[in-house]
Amino acid sequence: MSARAFGVTAGLDPGVATPLARRCEELGYASIWSNDHPGAAGLETLAAFAEGAERLELGLDRERLWIGVGAGFSERPLTTMRNSLPALREAIPGVRLVLAAMGPKMCALAGSGFDGAFLNWMTPEFAARARAHVHAGARDAERTPPPVLGYVRTAVGSDAGERLAKEESFYRDLHDGYRNHFARLGEPEGTVGVGASDPESVQAELSRYAALDVVVVRALASATFEAMAGLAEAAAPA
């Protein structure tokens, strides 16, 4: 059975992030995630999480920290990440490095040398294929396959479909990597992820992502404690 984690956008107000982490810990989530980018400080969000939770994997100390790394807007993403791994190991020893991966080659690279693969914008079927590529990369490198994690964009309520479609439309044309990825998926716009009207449907949809070792419920909700906690409760692990 997949573990369940919770994810938010960087820059969430500390007054929301701290009690949200506490609530996620109470609900049985294994970890809590934030992205990081120049416009919003993800590490500050993690610090706020750490104030509210003692056991959730997130943190700022090496034993609790997972760092996700990706090629961003690089023109040669696969080469960039392959060449970056030794420098990352030297610069931040002792932390777990998870590679953001969507295509088959990047998934195989994650399996061959990183501590995990972090998938994004996957259908359940493509998540299973990605997992196979991660395991193939590990097999070629003669190492144990690392865990496969993945964001599953999740919204609940009467406007769930609208929230999912809005989020997805931003990424579909963000850069060539995403354009190629969504072309491979071949899914109608606004359908990749979970947009459900009720909590029971959320659980049923998330359960389809059994290929992921960790399903990271990426919250599509208003940035208030009530909205975020409500979604966390609807998507909580059994």
Protein backbone atom coordinates (compact mmCIF):
# COMPACT_ATOMS: atom_id res chain seq x y z
CA MET A 1 0.00 0.00 0.00
CA SER A 2 1.25 3.48 -0.85
CA ALA A 3 2.19 5.87 1.92
CA ARG A 4 0.38 9.19 1.89
CA ALA A 5 2.01 12.64 2.07
CA PHE A 6 0.74 16.21 1.75
CA GLY A 7 2.13 19.00 -0.43
CA VAL A 8 1.63 22.75 -0.69
CA THR A 9 2.90 25.69 -2.71
CA ALA A 10 5.93 27.51 -1.31
CA GLY A 11 5.23 30.67 0.63
CA LEU A 12 2.24 29.42 2.60
CA ASP A 13 1.66 31.75 5.53
CA PRO A 14 3.36 30.38 8.68
CA GLY A 15 0.10 30.90 10.56
CA VAL A 16 -1.40 28.33 8.19
CA ALA A 17 1.62 26.08 7.65
CA THR A 18 2.36 25.35 11.31
CA PRO A 19 -1.12 24.18 12.38
CA LEU A 20 -1.53 22.42 9.02
CA ALA A 21 1.59 20.32 9.68
CA ARG A 22 0.25 19.48 13.14
CA ARG A 23 -3.08 18.39 11.64
CA CYS A 24 -1.38 16.31 8.93
CA GLU A 25 0.66 14.54 11.58
CA GLU A 26 -2.54 13.80 13.53
CA LEU A 27 -4.15 12.42 10.37
CA GLY A 28 -1.31 9.97 9.79
CA TYR A 29 0.50 11.53 6.84
CA ALA A 30 4.09 10.30 6.51
CA SER A 31 5.62 13.53 5.23
CA ILE A 32 4.78 17.04 4.08
CA TRP A 33 6.28 18.80 1.07
CA SER A 34 6.79 22.28 -0.34
CA ASN A 35 8.36 23.35 -3.59
CA ASP A 36 10.92 26.15 -3.68
CA HIS A 37 11.48 28.89 -6.24
CA PRO A 38 12.85 32.45 -6.36
CA GLY A 39 9.43 34.00 -5.88
CA ALA A 40 8.56 32.13 -2.69
CA ALA A 41 10.81 30.65 -0.03
CA GLY A 42 10.07 26.95 0.34
CA LEU A 43 12.60 26.51 3.14
CA GLU A 44 10.70 29.04 5.23
CA THR A 45 7.56 26.99 4.65
CA LEU A 46 9.41 23.87 5.83
CA ALA A 47 10.58 25.73 8.93
CA ALA A 48 6.95 26.59 9.71
CA PHE A 49 6.00 22.93 9.21
CA ALA A 50 8.75 21.90 11.62
CA GLU A 51 7.25 24.13 14.30
CA GLY A 52 4.02 22.18 14.15
CA ALA A 53 5.13 18.57 13.71
CA GLU A 54 7.66 16.32 15.40
CA ARG A 55 7.54 13.16 13.26
CA LEU A 56 6.62 14.20 9.74
CA GLU A 57 9.50 13.82 7.32
CA LEU A 58 10.29 17.25 5.90
CA GLY A 59 12.63 19.09 7.93
CA LEU A 60 15.73 21.07 8.19
CA ASP A 61 17.89 18.44 9.86
CA ARG A 62 19.55 15.85 7.67
CA GLU A 63 17.75 12.83 9.12
CA ARG A 64 14.33 14.22 8.18
CA LEU A 65 15.22 16.02 4.97
CA TRP A 66 14.38 14.98 1.44
CA ILE A 67 15.60 17.40 -1.24
CA GLY A 68 13.94 17.27 -4.62
CA VAL A 69 16.11 18.48 -7.50
CA GLY A 70 15.24 19.04 -11.14
CA ALA A 71 16.56 20.40 -14.42
CA GLY A 72 14.16 23.35 -14.57
CA PHE A 73 14.48 25.20 -17.87
CA SER A 74 17.78 23.57 -18.89
CA GLU A 75 18.19 22.93 -22.62
CA ARG A 76 19.81 19.55 -21.87
CA PRO A 77 17.95 18.36 -18.77
CA LEU A 78 19.19 14.78 -18.71
CA THR A 79 22.86 15.74 -19.08
CA THR A 80 22.44 18.54 -16.54
CA MET A 81 21.10 16.23 -13.86
CA ARG A 82 23.51 13.39 -14.58
CA ASN A 83 26.47 15.77 -14.29
CA SER A 84 25.07 17.54 -11.22
CA LEU A 85 24.77 14.47 -9.01
CA PRO A 86 28.44 14.22 -7.86
CA ALA A 87 28.53 17.93 -6.98
CA LEU A 88 25.25 17.66 -5.06
CA ARG A 89 26.54 14.66 -3.10
CA GLU A 90 29.65 16.61 -2.17
CA ALA A 91 27.85 19.86 -1.32
CA ILE A 92 25.08 18.34 0.82
CA PRO A 93 26.28 14.97 2.08
CA GLY A 94 23.94 12.77 4.06
CA VAL A 95 20.63 14.04 2.68
CA ARG A 96 18.31 12.14 0.37
CA LEU A 97 18.26 13.53 -3.16
CA VAL A 98 15.06 12.90 -5.09
CA LEU A 99 15.09 13.56 -8.82
CA ALA A 100 12.11 15.25 -10.47
CA ALA A 101 11.32 12.96 -13.39
CA MET A 102 8.64 12.64 -16.05
CA GLY A 103 10.17 11.02 -19.14
CA PRO A 104 11.57 7.47 -19.40
CA LYS A 105 15.26 8.50 -19.47
CA MET A 106 14.98 10.80 -16.45
CA CYS A 107 13.12 8.10 -14.54
CA ALA A 108 15.90 5.63 -15.35
CA LEU A 109 18.51 8.17 -14.18
CA ALA A 110 16.64 8.53 -10.90
CA GLY A 111 16.77 4.78 -10.46
CA SER A 112 20.45 4.51 -11.31
CA GLY A 113 21.88 7.07 -8.90
CA PHE A 114 19.41 9.12 -6.87
CA ASP A 115 17.63 8.33 -3.61
CA GLY A 116 14.19 8.58 -5.14
CA ALA A 117 12.18 9.60 -8.18
CA PHE A 118 9.60 12.35 -7.83
CA LEU A 119 6.91 12.22 -10.51
CA ASN A 120 4.61 15.04 -11.53
CA TRP A 121 1.39 15.25 -13.54
CA MET A 122 0.94 11.52 -14.02
CA THR A 123 -2.10 9.39 -14.64
CA PRO A 124 -2.14 6.13 -12.66
CA GLU A 125 -1.20 4.23 -15.82
CA PHE A 126 1.78 6.46 -16.63
CA ALA A 127 2.90 6.35 -13.00
CA ALA A 128 3.16 2.57 -13.35
CA ARG A 129 5.23 2.93 -16.53
CA ALA A 130 7.47 5.50 -14.86
CA ARG A 131 8.01 3.14 -11.94
CA ALA A 132 9.12 0.44 -14.36
CA HIS A 133 11.69 2.83 -15.88
CA VAL A 134 13.00 3.73 -12.41
CA HIS A 135 13.40 0.06 -11.55
CA ALA A 136 15.09 -0.64 -14.89
CA GLY A 137 17.62 2.11 -14.20
CA ALA A 138 18.32 0.67 -10.77
CA ARG A 139 18.70 -2.81 -12.21
CA ASP A 140 21.21 -1.60 -14.81
CA ALA A 141 23.20 0.11 -12.03
CA GLU A 142 22.98 -3.03 -9.87
CA ARG A 143 21.38 -1.22 -6.95
CA THR A 144 18.15 -1.49 -4.98
CA PRO A 145 15.39 0.57 -6.60
CA PRO A 146 14.77 3.83 -4.74
CA PRO A 147 11.25 4.87 -3.73
CA VAL A 148 8.96 6.42 -6.33
CA LEU A 149 7.06 9.44 -5.06
CA GLY A 150 4.69 11.69 -6.92
CA TYR A 151 2.55 14.77 -6.72
CA VAL A 152 -1.13 14.09 -7.38
CA ARG A 153 -2.92 17.42 -7.76
CA THR A 154 -6.05 17.11 -5.63
CA ALA A 155 -9.12 19.30 -5.21
CA VAL A 156 -12.41 18.57 -3.50
CA GLY A 157 -15.76 20.37 -3.57
CA SER A 158 -18.12 21.90 -6.09
CA ASP A 159 -15.29 23.82 -7.81
CA ALA A 160 -12.79 20.93 -7.81
CA GLY A 161 -12.82 20.45 -11.57
CA GLU A 162 -12.26 24.15 -12.16
CA ARG A 163 -9.31 24.26 -9.75
CA LEU A 164 -7.68 21.24 -11.35
CA ALA A 165 -8.15 22.60 -14.88
CA LYS A 166 -6.70 25.99 -13.93
CA GLU A 167 -3.60 24.46 -12.36
CA GLU A 168 -3.06 22.07 -15.23
CA SER A 169 -3.46 24.73 -17.92
CA PHE A 170 -0.54 26.68 -16.43
CA TYR A 171 1.83 23.71 -16.65
CA ARG A 172 0.76 22.37 -20.04
CA ASP A 173 2.60 25.13 -21.90
CA LEU A 174 5.23 26.10 -19.31
CA HIS A 175 8.20 24.72 -21.28
CA ASP A 176 9.10 21.96 -23.74
CA GLY A 177 9.48 19.34 -21.03
CA TYR A 178 5.89 19.78 -19.90
CA ARG A 179 4.58 20.17 -23.45
CA ASN A 180 6.19 16.87 -24.43
CA HIS A 181 4.98 15.19 -21.25
CA PHE A 182 1.33 16.16 -21.69
CA ALA A 183 1.53 15.13 -25.34
CA ARG A 184 2.70 11.68 -24.23
CA LEU A 185 -0.16 11.45 -21.75
CA GLY A 186 -2.73 12.26 -24.41
CA GLU A 187 -5.34 13.16 -21.79
CA PRO A 188 -8.02 15.87 -22.10
CA GLU A 189 -7.12 19.11 -20.35
CA GLY A 190 -8.19 19.29 -16.73
CA THR A 191 -8.28 15.54 -16.13
CA VAL A 192 -4.78 14.69 -14.82
CA GLY A 193 -5.06 14.42 -11.06
CA VAL A 194 -8.04 14.26 -8.73
CA GLY A 195 -10.96 16.65 -8.86
CA ALA A 196 -13.79 15.25 -6.74
CA SER A 197 -17.01 16.59 -5.31
CA ASP A 198 -16.85 14.55 -2.09
CA PRO A 199 -14.25 12.91 0.20
CA GLU A 200 -15.27 9.37 -0.73
CA SER A 201 -14.47 10.04 -4.38
CA VAL A 202 -11.10 11.55 -3.40
CA GLN A 203 -10.10 8.34 -1.65
CA ALA A 204 -11.22 6.18 -4.55
CA GLU A 205 -9.24 8.23 -7.07
CA LEU A 206 -6.08 8.40 -4.96
CA SER A 207 -6.16 4.63 -4.45
CA ARG A 208 -5.59 4.21 -8.19
CA TYR A 209 -2.03 5.53 -7.78
CA ALA A 210 -0.81 2.26 -6.30
CA ALA A 211 2.37 2.41 -8.42
CA LEU A 212 3.65 5.24 -6.21
CA ASP A 213 5.43 4.33 -3.00
CA VAL A 214 4.42 7.73 -1.66
CA VAL A 215 1.38 9.60 -2.97
CA VAL A 216 1.95 13.29 -2.26
CA VAL A 217 -1.47 14.94 -2.17
CA ARG A 218 -0.69 18.30 -3.79
CA ALA A 219 -3.36 20.56 -2.38
CA LEU A 220 -5.43 22.71 -4.72
CA ALA A 221 -7.29 24.76 -2.14
CA SER A 222 -7.49 28.29 -0.81
CA ALA A 223 -4.44 29.18 1.28
CA THR A 224 -6.36 29.14 4.57
CA PHE A 225 -6.04 26.64 7.38
CA GLU A 226 -9.70 25.66 7.10
CA ALA A 227 -9.49 24.90 3.37
CA MET A 228 -6.13 23.15 3.52
CA ALA A 229 -7.05 21.08 6.58
CA GLY A 230 -10.37 20.15 5.01
CA LEU A 231 -8.61 18.79 1.96
CA ALA A 232 -6.03 17.01 4.13
CA GLU A 233 -8.87 15.34 6.03
CA ALA A 234 -10.64 14.27 2.83
CA ALA A 235 -7.44 12.75 1.41
CA ALA A 236 -6.02 11.38 4.68
CA PRO A 237 -4.46 7.91 4.76
CA ALA A 238 -6.75 5.15 5.97
